[in-house]
Amino acid sequence: MAEFISFLFSNVFLLGVTFIVCLFLLDFVKSRKNGSHFPPGPRGLPFLGNILQVDYGNPAVTFNQVRKEFGNVFSLQYFWKKMVVLNGFELVKEALMNRSEDSADRPRSPIYETVGYVGDTKGIVLAHYGRSWKEQRRFALTALRNFGMGKKSLEERVTEEAQFLCSEFKSQKDQFDPILLINNAVSNVICSFTFGDRFEYNDEKFQRLLLLFNVACKAKSGLLGQILNEIPFLTHIPWLINRVMQQQYELIAFLKEIILEHQKTWNPSYTRDFIDAYLVEMEKVKGDGSSSFNETNLFLTTYDLFIAGSETTSITLRWAVMFMLLYPDVQSKVQEEIDQVIGRDRKPTMGDVLQMPYTNAVIHEVQRYGDIAPLSLPHMTYRDMEIKGYLIPKGTTIITNLSSVLKDHEVWEKPFQFYPKHFLDENGKFVKREAFIPFSIGRRACLGEQLARMKLFLFFTTFLQQLTFEIPNDQPRPREDPVYALGLSPHPYNICVVARV
């Protein structure tokens, strides 16, 4: 009996050793299969690759460190998946503009597949490059134009919401954190476009959902979210996927409820907003099985527009307010220009931009220095692509380090300081730098860029026309270092407002 146990143990041990050796060989083969023409990168751990070497509190910091050793194009490995990181304006421009179709695809995101982003039905933001994405993006752009992007009607909506927000600021009798009020106001602009309605600032349910979105972003951008995306079968473990996506599920349920209620009151002869326009399009293609206009894409596209039209602009405005606290001399100069061009009584309009170079420069510098989307969203090669002599095969994930562009010392005089003169010439006239790409560039550039620019200018000028922002007496200076959750946002801070009489 003892001999049998010894024989069994030795064979199990031998099988275990053989299995481990085979895994190491498979890992070695997979890590080498891209060949010598693939970009180099830091050595990773067996099986895990470099996934534990990235700081998920701000991945751009890690990438900038790796860049010092391997140059502007390097590779990383997450488990057995290779990805390429591009740094610097010239390389990012080459990939996203000059080779725009080659880099136009999106990688698979299994955690989002749990909420409906499956196959070709993926809305706009996460959709693969192809017919469905082209149809959905083209339709969204047309709807934005039809409902007023670049027209007076949408401009008036933004101005009206900015007035509401200023009134709410003035009603605060003591110091307060502006995050929820700013989020609510900015989201109301896209809500009026998508749902045809806005939410009051005291709507607790809506404010909770905006807060949930911030929590959800942190969870999805963390290490566990990355692991679930790289090992898809783990997403089928409920308690595990819920740790990453629970807040996302609540937000999605809220939006689905709004859409369903909206559909009940839909009248084909009267188009109120984006959802109505989408329902009209669905009616046109009814019976066409190849069309991408369906119930699932209605929700996913509406969700994409709601999130994209809310979060980045509200974060930018929070940075803007914070920089006015930290740099009161800049705030005073903006107010002087507002008083000269607009005055205290007339509402700001987009026609004022060309006459306000300093204010325009400050808004651009907020975007550059705030660095809201340091890595943008990942791309994937649609076909084999060559960059700087390296071959990047079809299906490879590409990360564009926009932070390396917006804070490149070869482009900007003071890349790590808030310095509005980056966008002014020697005569004080506004100059837009080619390397200013906070909305990314190419085929996957933010489709709401024009709307975002409108919101930033009208909200910011309305703020400083009516208010002066001050640091509360009992509060320290706000921190300039960011919090990372897919994007970079300021740490919470309190403000006092003084009405400009």
Protein backbone atom coordinates (compact mmCIF):
# COMPACT_ATOMS: atom_id res chain seq x y z
CA MET A 1 0.00 0.00 0.00
CA ALA A 2 2.82 2.36 0.89
CA GLU A 3 4.49 1.59 -2.45
CA PHE A 4 1.26 2.38 -4.34
CA ILE A 5 0.88 5.73 -2.54
CA SER A 6 4.52 6.55 -3.27
CA PHE A 7 4.04 5.59 -6.95
CA LEU A 8 0.84 7.67 -7.18
CA PHE A 9 2.46 10.69 -5.50
CA SER A 10 5.53 10.56 -7.77
CA ASN A 11 3.36 10.39 -10.90
CA VAL A 12 1.10 13.24 -9.76
CA PHE A 13 4.21 15.29 -8.96
CA LEU A 14 5.67 14.48 -12.39
CA LEU A 15 2.41 15.44 -14.12
CA GLY A 16 2.32 18.69 -12.14
CA VAL A 17 5.87 19.58 -13.11
CA THR A 18 5.15 18.73 -16.76
CA PHE A 19 2.02 20.89 -16.71
CA ILE A 20 3.91 23.86 -15.23
CA VAL A 21 6.73 23.48 -17.76
CA CYS A 22 4.19 23.39 -20.60
CA LEU A 23 2.54 26.56 -19.27
CA PHE A 24 5.90 28.32 -19.15
CA LEU A 25 6.68 27.18 -22.70
CA LEU A 26 3.26 28.36 -23.90
CA ASP A 27 3.78 31.68 -22.15
CA PHE A 28 7.23 32.02 -23.76
CA VAL A 29 5.86 31.20 -27.23
CA LYS A 30 2.96 33.64 -26.88
CA SER A 31 5.20 36.42 -25.61
CA ARG A 32 7.55 35.92 -28.58
CA LYS A 33 5.05 35.37 -31.38
CA ASN A 34 4.93 39.02 -32.50
CA GLY A 35 8.54 38.84 -33.63
CA SER A 36 11.43 41.28 -33.68
CA HIS A 37 9.50 43.99 -35.53
CA PHE A 38 7.04 44.43 -32.66
CA PRO A 39 7.73 47.39 -30.31
CA PRO A 40 9.89 46.50 -27.28
CA GLY A 41 8.69 46.89 -23.71
CA PRO A 42 9.49 46.09 -20.10
CA ARG A 43 9.88 42.44 -19.12
CA GLY A 44 6.76 41.12 -17.43
CA LEU A 45 5.99 38.31 -15.03
CA PRO A 46 5.17 34.83 -16.39
CA PHE A 47 1.45 34.57 -17.25
CA LEU A 48 0.66 37.99 -15.71
CA GLY A 49 2.79 40.11 -18.00
CA ASN A 50 2.99 43.78 -16.92
CA ILE A 51 -0.47 44.07 -15.41
CA LEU A 52 0.85 44.38 -11.83
CA GLN A 53 3.49 46.93 -12.86
CA VAL A 54 0.96 49.61 -13.86
CA ASP A 55 -0.21 52.22 -11.35
CA TYR A 56 -3.99 52.16 -11.76
CA GLY A 57 -4.20 55.31 -9.64
CA ASN A 58 -2.90 57.08 -12.77
CA PRO A 59 -1.61 54.79 -15.55
CA ALA A 60 -0.23 57.73 -17.55
CA VAL A 61 2.43 58.19 -14.85
CA THR A 62 3.60 54.60 -15.36
CA PHE A 63 3.60 55.01 -19.14
CA ASN A 64 5.65 58.18 -18.92
CA GLN A 65 8.24 56.34 -16.82
CA VAL A 66 8.42 53.42 -19.27
CA ARG A 67 8.68 55.93 -22.11
CA LYS A 68 11.99 57.22 -20.70
CA GLU A 69 13.55 53.78 -21.20
CA PHE A 70 11.87 52.51 -24.37
CA GLY A 71 10.99 55.67 -26.28
CA ASN A 72 7.74 56.99 -27.71
CA VAL A 73 6.41 53.63 -28.87
CA PHE A 74 6.55 50.60 -26.59
CA SER A 75 4.54 47.49 -25.78
CA LEU A 76 2.98 46.08 -22.65
CA GLN A 77 1.53 42.65 -21.96
CA TYR A 78 -1.59 42.00 -19.90
CA PHE A 79 -1.63 38.24 -19.35
CA TRP A 80 -1.15 37.04 -22.95
CA LYS A 81 -2.55 40.11 -24.68
CA LYS A 82 -0.06 42.53 -26.20
CA MET A 83 -0.82 46.24 -26.43
CA VAL A 84 1.12 49.18 -27.81
CA VAL A 85 1.42 52.60 -26.15
CA LEU A 86 2.01 55.64 -28.36
CA ASN A 87 3.48 58.84 -26.93
CA GLY A 88 4.20 62.32 -28.26
CA PHE A 89 2.25 64.40 -30.76
CA GLU A 90 3.93 63.18 -33.94
CA LEU A 91 3.31 59.48 -33.22
CA VAL A 92 -0.26 60.02 -32.01
CA LYS A 93 -0.97 62.15 -35.09
CA GLU A 94 0.57 59.51 -37.37
CA ALA A 95 -1.61 56.75 -35.90
CA LEU A 96 -4.92 58.60 -35.47
CA MET A 97 -4.85 61.03 -38.43
CA ASN A 98 -2.49 59.77 -41.11
CA ARG A 99 -3.45 56.12 -40.47
CA SER A 100 -6.95 56.88 -39.22
CA GLU A 101 -8.70 53.79 -40.59
CA ASP A 102 -5.88 51.45 -39.61
CA SER A 103 -6.34 52.47 -35.96
CA ALA A 104 -10.12 52.99 -35.95
CA ASP A 105 -11.26 49.77 -34.27
CA ARG A 106 -12.04 49.17 -30.59
CA PRO A 107 -10.89 46.19 -28.49
CA ARG A 108 -13.39 43.88 -26.89
CA SER A 109 -14.56 44.88 -23.39
CA PRO A 110 -16.11 41.84 -21.64
CA ILE A 111 -17.26 43.78 -18.57
CA TYR A 112 -19.47 45.93 -20.82
CA GLU A 113 -20.84 42.85 -22.56
CA THR A 114 -22.66 42.12 -19.30
CA VAL A 115 -24.85 45.19 -19.97
CA GLY A 116 -25.54 44.62 -23.66
CA TYR A 117 -22.45 45.69 -25.63
CA VAL A 118 -22.33 42.49 -27.69
CA GLY A 119 -21.37 41.83 -31.33
CA ASP A 120 -22.17 44.77 -33.63
CA THR A 121 -24.72 46.16 -31.18
CA LYS A 122 -22.45 48.44 -29.17
CA GLY A 123 -23.76 51.97 -29.56
CA ILE A 124 -21.03 54.40 -30.64
CA VAL A 125 -18.19 54.68 -28.15
CA LEU A 126 -17.28 50.98 -27.79
CA ALA A 127 -18.53 49.79 -31.18
CA HIS A 128 -16.17 47.99 -33.54
CA TYR A 129 -15.22 49.92 -36.66
CA GLY A 130 -17.72 49.00 -39.36
CA ARG A 131 -21.19 49.63 -40.72
CA SER A 132 -23.01 49.78 -37.36
CA TRP A 133 -20.56 52.30 -35.88
CA LYS A 134 -20.68 54.46 -39.01
CA GLU A 135 -24.49 54.46 -39.04
CA GLN A 136 -24.84 55.28 -35.35
CA ARG A 137 -22.17 58.01 -35.34
CA ARG A 138 -23.53 59.63 -38.51
CA PHE A 139 -27.06 59.60 -37.09
CA ALA A 140 -25.93 61.10 -33.75
CA LEU A 141 -24.03 63.91 -35.51
CA THR A 142 -27.05 64.66 -37.72
CA ALA A 143 -29.33 64.71 -34.67
CA LEU A 144 -26.99 67.09 -32.84
CA ARG A 145 -27.06 69.46 -35.82
CA ASN A 146 -30.83 69.18 -36.23
CA PHE A 147 -31.42 69.91 -32.56
CA GLY A 148 -29.19 72.92 -32.52
CA MET A 149 -25.47 72.15 -32.25
CA GLY A 150 -23.88 75.29 -33.64
CA LYS A 151 -27.27 77.02 -33.71
CA LYS A 152 -28.92 79.60 -31.49
CA SER A 153 -31.46 77.19 -30.00
CA LEU A 154 -28.92 74.95 -28.25
CA GLU A 155 -26.81 77.94 -27.28
CA GLU A 156 -29.83 79.41 -25.52
CA ARG A 157 -30.38 76.17 -23.63
CA VAL A 158 -26.78 76.21 -22.39
CA THR A 159 -26.98 79.89 -21.40
CA GLU A 160 -30.25 79.30 -19.56
CA GLU A 161 -28.77 76.39 -17.62
CA ALA A 162 -25.69 78.46 -16.76
CA GLN A 163 -28.01 81.15 -15.33
CA PHE A 164 -29.83 78.52 -13.25
CA LEU A 165 -26.51 77.28 -11.89
CA CYS A 166 -25.29 80.77 -10.98
CA SER A 167 -28.55 81.40 -9.13
CA GLU A 168 -28.07 78.16 -7.24
CA PHE A 169 -24.50 79.15 -6.35
CA LYS A 170 -25.72 82.52 -5.04
CA SER A 171 -28.36 80.82 -2.89
CA GLN A 172 -25.69 78.92 -0.93
CA LYS A 173 -25.32 80.84 2.34
CA ASP A 174 -22.06 79.24 3.38
CA GLN A 175 -19.15 77.43 1.83
CA PHE A 176 -20.07 74.37 -0.26
CA ASP A 177 -18.71 71.67 -2.56
CA PRO A 178 -19.83 72.55 -6.14
CA ILE A 179 -19.43 69.05 -7.63
CA LEU A 180 -23.07 67.92 -7.58
CA LEU A 181 -24.45 71.26 -8.75
CA ILE A 182 -21.99 71.45 -11.67
CA ASN A 183 -22.62 67.81 -12.62
CA ASN A 184 -26.38 68.37 -12.54
CA ALA A 185 -26.24 71.55 -14.63
CA VAL A 186 -23.95 70.10 -17.32
CA SER A 187 -25.95 66.87 -17.48
CA ASN A 188 -29.16 68.90 -17.93
CA VAL A 189 -27.87 70.21 -21.27
CA ILE A 190 -27.43 66.72 -22.72
CA CYS A 191 -30.64 65.58 -20.99
CA SER A 192 -32.60 68.28 -22.82
CA PHE A 193 -31.14 66.98 -26.08
CA THR A 194 -31.61 63.25 -25.43
CA PHE A 195 -34.75 63.19 -23.21
CA GLY A 196 -36.26 66.60 -23.93
CA ASP A 197 -36.22 67.48 -20.23
CA ARG A 198 -33.96 68.61 -17.39
CA PHE A 199 -33.68 67.66 -13.71
CA GLU A 200 -33.99 70.04 -10.77
CA TYR A 201 -30.88 70.51 -8.63
CA ASN A 202 -32.68 69.12 -5.59
CA ASP A 203 -33.62 65.88 -7.39
CA GLU A 204 -31.91 63.49 -4.98
CA LYS A 205 -32.29 60.43 -7.20
CA PHE A 206 -30.57 62.10 -10.14
CA GLN A 207 -27.78 63.48 -7.95
CA ARG A 208 -27.19 60.01 -6.52
CA LEU A 209 -26.89 58.57 -10.01
CA LEU A 210 -24.35 61.20 -11.01
CA LEU A 211 -22.34 60.29 -7.93
CA LEU A 212 -22.69 56.60 -8.76
CA PHE A 213 -21.14 57.29 -12.13
CA ASN A 214 -17.99 58.62 -10.46
CA VAL A 215 -17.75 55.50 -8.29
CA ALA A 216 -18.37 53.27 -11.31
CA CYS A 217 -15.52 54.90 -13.25
CA LYS A 218 -13.08 54.18 -10.43
CA ALA A 219 -14.16 50.55 -10.24
CA LYS A 220 -13.91 49.94 -13.99
CA SER A 221 -10.49 51.57 -14.29
CA GLY A 222 -9.01 49.63 -11.36
CA LEU A 223 -6.97 46.42 -11.37
CA LEU A 224 -9.98 44.11 -10.95
CA GLY A 225 -11.73 45.68 -13.97
CA GLN A 226 -8.60 45.11 -16.07
CA ILE A 227 -8.35 41.47 -14.94
CA LEU A 228 -12.00 40.77 -15.78
CA ASN A 229 -11.51 42.25 -19.25
CA GLU A 230 -8.49 40.03 -19.87
CA ILE A 231 -10.03 36.84 -18.40
CA PRO A 232 -13.63 37.03 -19.71
CA PHE A 233 -14.95 33.84 -18.06
CA LEU A 234 -14.55 35.56 -14.67
CA THR A 235 -17.35 37.98 -15.64
CA HIS A 236 -19.77 35.06 -15.19
CA ILE A 237 -19.04 35.01 -11.45
CA PRO A 238 -21.84 37.30 -10.10
CA TRP A 239 -20.17 38.57 -6.91
CA LEU A 240 -16.98 39.35 -8.85
CA ILE A 241 -18.53 41.28 -11.75
CA ASN A 242 -20.85 43.09 -9.31
CA ARG A 243 -17.83 44.55 -7.51
CA VAL A 244 -16.90 46.33 -10.74
CA MET A 245 -20.28 47.00 -12.34
CA GLN A 246 -22.90 47.36 -9.56
CA GLN A 247 -23.08 51.17 -9.76
CA GLN A 248 -23.13 50.93 -13.54
CA TYR A 249 -26.16 48.64 -13.36
CA GLU A 250 -28.07 51.20 -11.26
CA LEU A 251 -27.30 54.01 -13.70
CA ILE A 252 -28.30 51.87 -16.66
CA ALA A 253 -31.58 50.86 -15.00
CA PHE A 254 -32.40 54.54 -14.44
CA LEU A 255 -31.77 55.45 -18.09
CA LYS A 256 -33.76 52.46 -19.35
CA GLU A 257 -36.69 53.57 -17.22
CA ILE A 258 -36.54 57.06 -18.78
CA ILE A 259 -36.41 55.65 -22.31
CA LEU A 260 -39.32 53.29 -21.71
CA GLU A 261 -41.46 56.10 -20.29
CA HIS A 262 -40.48 58.25 -23.25
CA GLN A 263 -41.57 55.60 -25.73
CA LYS A 264 -45.05 55.51 -24.21
CA THR A 265 -45.63 59.16 -25.15
CA TRP A 266 -43.94 59.00 -28.56
CA ASN A 267 -45.79 60.64 -31.45
CA PRO A 268 -44.24 59.91 -34.89
CA SER A 269 -45.50 63.23 -36.25
CA TYR A 270 -43.66 65.32 -33.64
CA THR A 271 -39.95 64.89 -32.85
CA ARG A 272 -39.09 66.28 -29.42
CA ASP A 273 -35.53 65.04 -28.93
CA PHE A 274 -32.91 62.43 -29.81
CA ILE A 275 -34.94 59.44 -28.56
CA ASP A 276 -37.92 60.47 -30.71
CA ALA A 277 -35.64 60.92 -33.75
CA TYR A 278 -34.17 57.45 -33.14
CA LEU A 279 -37.63 55.88 -32.88
CA VAL A 280 -38.55 57.50 -36.21
CA GLU A 281 -35.42 55.96 -37.77
CA MET A 282 -36.29 52.55 -36.32
CA GLU A 283 -39.73 52.82 -37.89
CA LYS A 284 -38.17 53.57 -41.29
CA VAL A 285 -36.01 50.43 -41.26
CA LYS A 286 -38.56 48.10 -39.71
CA GLY A 287 -38.20 44.70 -41.35
CA ASP A 288 -34.60 45.32 -42.44
CA GLY A 289 -32.68 42.71 -40.47
CA SER A 290 -29.33 44.17 -41.51
CA SER A 291 -30.01 47.62 -40.03
CA SER A 292 -28.23 48.64 -36.84
CA PHE A 293 -31.20 50.74 -35.67
CA ASN A 294 -32.85 48.60 -32.99
CA GLU A 295 -33.99 48.71 -29.36
CA THR A 296 -30.58 47.74 -27.97
CA ASN A 297 -28.68 50.35 -29.94
CA LEU A 298 -31.31 52.94 -29.00
CA PHE A 299 -30.41 52.45 -25.36
CA LEU A 300 -26.64 52.08 -25.86
CA THR A 301 -26.34 55.13 -28.12
CA THR A 302 -28.45 57.25 -25.75
CA TYR A 303 -26.32 56.04 -22.85
CA ASP A 304 -23.10 56.90 -24.73
CA LEU A 305 -24.36 60.42 -25.50
CA PHE A 306 -25.52 60.98 -21.91
CA ILE A 307 -22.20 59.90 -20.38
CA ALA A 308 -19.95 61.55 -22.98
CA GLY A 309 -21.97 64.78 -22.84
CA SER A 310 -21.92 65.00 -19.06
CA GLU A 311 -18.79 63.80 -17.36
CA THR A 312 -15.86 65.36 -19.24
CA THR A 313 -17.40 68.85 -19.38
CA SER A 314 -18.40 68.83 -15.71
CA ILE A 315 -14.89 67.71 -14.69
CA THR A 316 -13.37 70.47 -16.84
CA LEU A 317 -15.59 73.09 -15.20
CA ARG A 318 -14.62 71.81 -11.76
CA TRP A 319 -10.96 72.25 -12.74
CA ALA A 320 -11.78 75.73 -14.06
CA VAL A 321 -13.40 76.84 -10.80
CA MET A 322 -10.53 75.38 -8.79
CA PHE A 323 -7.90 77.18 -10.88
CA MET A 324 -9.74 80.46 -10.33
CA LEU A 325 -9.43 79.82 -6.59
CA LEU A 326 -5.73 79.08 -6.91
CA TYR A 327 -4.94 81.89 -9.36
CA PRO A 328 -7.07 84.92 -8.38
CA ASP A 329 -5.01 87.16 -10.68
CA VAL A 330 -6.15 85.07 -13.65
CA GLN A 331 -9.74 85.25 -12.41
CA SER A 332 -9.49 89.07 -12.21
CA LYS A 333 -8.10 89.36 -15.74
CA VAL A 334 -10.90 87.19 -17.13
CA GLN A 335 -13.48 89.33 -15.33
CA GLU A 336 -11.92 92.51 -16.72
CA GLU A 337 -12.21 91.12 -20.27
CA ILE A 338 -15.81 90.05 -19.65
CA ASP A 339 -16.68 93.52 -18.38
CA GLN A 340 -15.09 95.14 -21.43
CA VAL A 341 -16.63 92.88 -24.09
CA ILE A 342 -19.94 91.68 -22.59
CA GLY A 343 -20.59 93.92 -19.61
CA ARG A 344 -22.52 92.92 -16.49
CA ASP A 345 -26.05 92.81 -17.93
CA ARG A 346 -25.97 91.12 -21.33
CA LYS A 347 -25.78 87.34 -21.43
CA PRO A 348 -22.65 85.85 -23.04
CA THR A 349 -22.96 84.37 -26.55
CA MET A 350 -20.63 82.29 -28.69
CA GLY A 351 -20.17 85.35 -30.87
CA ASP A 352 -18.11 86.86 -28.03
CA VAL A 353 -15.33 84.23 -28.28
CA LEU A 354 -13.35 85.99 -31.01
CA GLN A 355 -13.23 89.21 -28.98
CA MET A 356 -12.07 87.50 -25.77
CA PRO A 357 -8.59 86.03 -26.42
CA TYR A 358 -7.54 85.88 -22.76
CA THR A 359 -10.70 84.11 -21.59
CA ASN A 360 -10.41 81.68 -24.51
CA ALA A 361 -6.76 81.03 -23.62
CA VAL A 362 -7.66 80.34 -19.98
CA ILE A 363 -10.34 77.81 -20.98
CA HIS A 364 -7.89 76.04 -23.31
CA GLU A 365 -5.23 76.00 -20.60
CA VAL A 366 -7.72 74.49 -18.13
CA GLN A 367 -8.25 71.64 -20.60
CA ARG A 368 -4.55 71.21 -21.31
CA TYR A 369 -3.31 71.37 -17.72
CA GLY A 370 -6.33 69.53 -16.28
CA ASP A 371 -5.58 66.70 -18.75
CA ILE A 372 -9.10 65.28 -18.34
CA ALA A 373 -8.68 62.15 -20.52
CA PRO A 374 -4.96 61.33 -20.30
CA LEU A 375 -5.23 58.03 -22.19
CA SER A 376 -8.45 58.61 -24.11
CA LEU A 377 -10.19 55.28 -24.89
CA PRO A 378 -8.18 52.35 -26.25
CA HIS A 379 -8.06 51.82 -30.01
CA MET A 380 -7.44 48.58 -31.88
CA THR A 381 -5.76 48.10 -35.23
CA TYR A 382 -8.27 47.44 -37.99
CA ARG A 383 -5.48 46.08 -40.19
CA ASP A 384 -1.70 45.64 -39.90
CA MET A 385 -0.06 49.02 -39.29
CA GLU A 386 3.53 50.19 -39.32
CA ILE A 387 4.62 52.93 -36.91
CA LYS A 388 8.19 54.18 -36.67
CA GLY A 389 9.50 51.01 -38.27
CA TYR A 390 7.54 48.69 -35.97
CA LEU A 391 4.84 46.35 -37.27
CA ILE A 392 1.64 46.39 -35.21
CA PRO A 393 -0.55 43.46 -36.29
CA LYS A 394 -4.29 43.65 -36.87
CA GLY A 395 -6.26 43.26 -33.64
CA THR A 396 -3.63 44.85 -31.39
CA THR A 397 -4.85 47.22 -28.68
CA ILE A 398 -3.37 50.73 -28.99
CA ILE A 399 -3.25 53.20 -26.11
CA THR A 400 -2.68 56.83 -27.10
CA ASN A 401 -1.03 58.70 -24.25
CA LEU A 402 -2.66 62.12 -24.73
CA SER A 403 -1.02 63.29 -21.52
CA SER A 404 2.36 62.95 -23.22
CA VAL A 405 1.07 65.35 -25.90
CA LEU A 406 -0.64 67.92 -23.67
CA LYS A 407 2.35 68.06 -21.33
CA ASP A 408 5.20 67.63 -23.80
CA HIS A 409 8.12 69.88 -22.83
CA GLU A 410 9.09 70.15 -26.51
CA VAL A 411 5.74 71.79 -27.32
CA TRP A 412 4.76 73.74 -24.20
CA GLU A 413 6.91 76.32 -22.44
CA LYS A 414 5.68 75.34 -18.97
CA PRO A 415 3.98 71.94 -19.40
CA PHE A 416 3.52 71.25 -15.68
CA GLN A 417 2.23 74.69 -14.72
CA PHE A 418 -1.08 76.47 -15.25
CA TYR A 419 0.05 79.05 -17.83
CA PRO A 420 -2.63 80.64 -20.07
CA LYS A 421 0.06 82.34 -22.19
CA HIS A 422 0.53 78.97 -23.91
CA PHE A 423 -2.38 80.10 -26.11
CA LEU A 424 -1.46 83.76 -26.62
CA ASP A 425 1.03 85.33 -29.01
CA GLU A 426 3.28 88.28 -28.22
CA ASN A 427 0.41 90.65 -29.11
CA GLY A 428 -2.06 88.97 -26.76
CA LYS A 429 -4.02 87.33 -29.58
CA PHE A 430 -5.37 83.80 -29.16
CA VAL A 431 -3.35 81.04 -30.83
CA LYS A 432 -4.50 77.43 -30.92
CA ARG A 433 -1.62 74.94 -30.86
CA GLU A 434 -1.75 71.91 -33.14
CA ALA A 435 -0.80 69.67 -30.20
CA PHE A 436 -3.90 70.74 -28.27
CA ILE A 437 -5.93 67.53 -28.64
CA PRO A 438 -7.93 66.95 -25.42
CA PHE A 439 -10.82 65.54 -27.50
CA SER A 440 -8.43 63.22 -29.36
CA ILE A 441 -8.23 63.30 -33.17
CA GLY A 442 -9.08 61.14 -36.15
CA ARG A 443 -12.11 58.97 -36.81
CA ARG A 444 -12.71 58.27 -33.13
CA ALA A 445 -12.44 61.89 -31.97
CA CYS A 446 -15.19 63.03 -29.59
CA LEU A 447 -18.33 63.62 -31.68
CA GLY A 448 -19.60 66.18 -29.16
CA GLU A 449 -16.49 68.37 -29.28
CA GLN A 450 -18.34 71.40 -30.65
CA LEU A 451 -21.07 71.10 -28.01
CA ALA A 452 -18.45 70.72 -25.27
CA ARG A 453 -16.63 73.87 -26.40
CA MET A 454 -19.91 75.78 -26.35
CA LYS A 455 -20.74 74.58 -22.84
CA LEU A 456 -17.30 75.40 -21.48
CA PHE A 457 -17.28 78.95 -22.83
CA LEU A 458 -20.85 79.85 -21.89
CA PHE A 459 -20.76 78.31 -18.41
CA PHE A 460 -17.33 79.76 -17.60
CA THR A 461 -18.08 83.30 -18.79
CA THR A 462 -21.47 83.29 -17.07
CA PHE A 463 -19.79 82.20 -13.82
CA LEU A 464 -17.21 84.98 -13.85
CA GLN A 465 -19.60 87.61 -15.14
CA GLN A 466 -21.78 87.15 -12.06
CA LEU A 467 -19.52 85.65 -9.41
CA THR A 468 -16.09 85.71 -7.82
CA PHE A 469 -14.82 82.41 -6.43
CA GLU A 470 -12.89 82.42 -3.15
CA ILE A 471 -11.25 79.83 -0.90
CA PRO A 472 -13.16 79.63 2.43
CA ASN A 473 -11.20 81.13 5.32
CA ASP A 474 -11.02 77.88 7.28
CA GLN A 475 -10.07 75.73 4.28
CA PRO A 476 -6.60 74.90 2.88
CA ARG A 477 -5.69 75.58 -0.74
CA PRO A 478 -7.22 72.93 -3.01
CA ARG A 479 -4.85 70.21 -4.18
CA GLU A 480 -3.65 70.44 -7.77
CA ASP A 481 -2.84 66.73 -8.08
CA PRO A 482 -5.70 64.78 -9.71
CA VAL A 483 -7.87 61.79 -8.85
CA TYR A 484 -7.91 59.11 -11.56
CA ALA A 485 -11.12 57.30 -12.57
CA LEU A 486 -10.87 56.75 -16.35
CA GLY A 487 -10.21 60.51 -16.42
CA LEU A 488 -8.43 62.99 -14.17
CA SER A 489 -10.65 65.05 -11.86
CA PRO A 490 -9.86 67.40 -8.95
CA HIS A 491 -9.97 66.29 -5.34
CA PRO A 492 -13.14 67.53 -3.59
CA TYR A 493 -12.92 71.16 -2.49
CA ASN A 494 -15.19 73.80 -0.99
CA ILE A 495 -15.82 77.29 -2.34
CA CYS A 496 -17.37 80.58 -1.31
CA VAL A 497 -18.99 82.76 -3.94
CA VAL A 498 -19.29 86.53 -3.91
CA ALA A 499 -21.86 88.06 -6.24
CA ARG A 500 -20.46 90.78 -8.51
CA VAL A 501 -22.83 93.68 -8.00
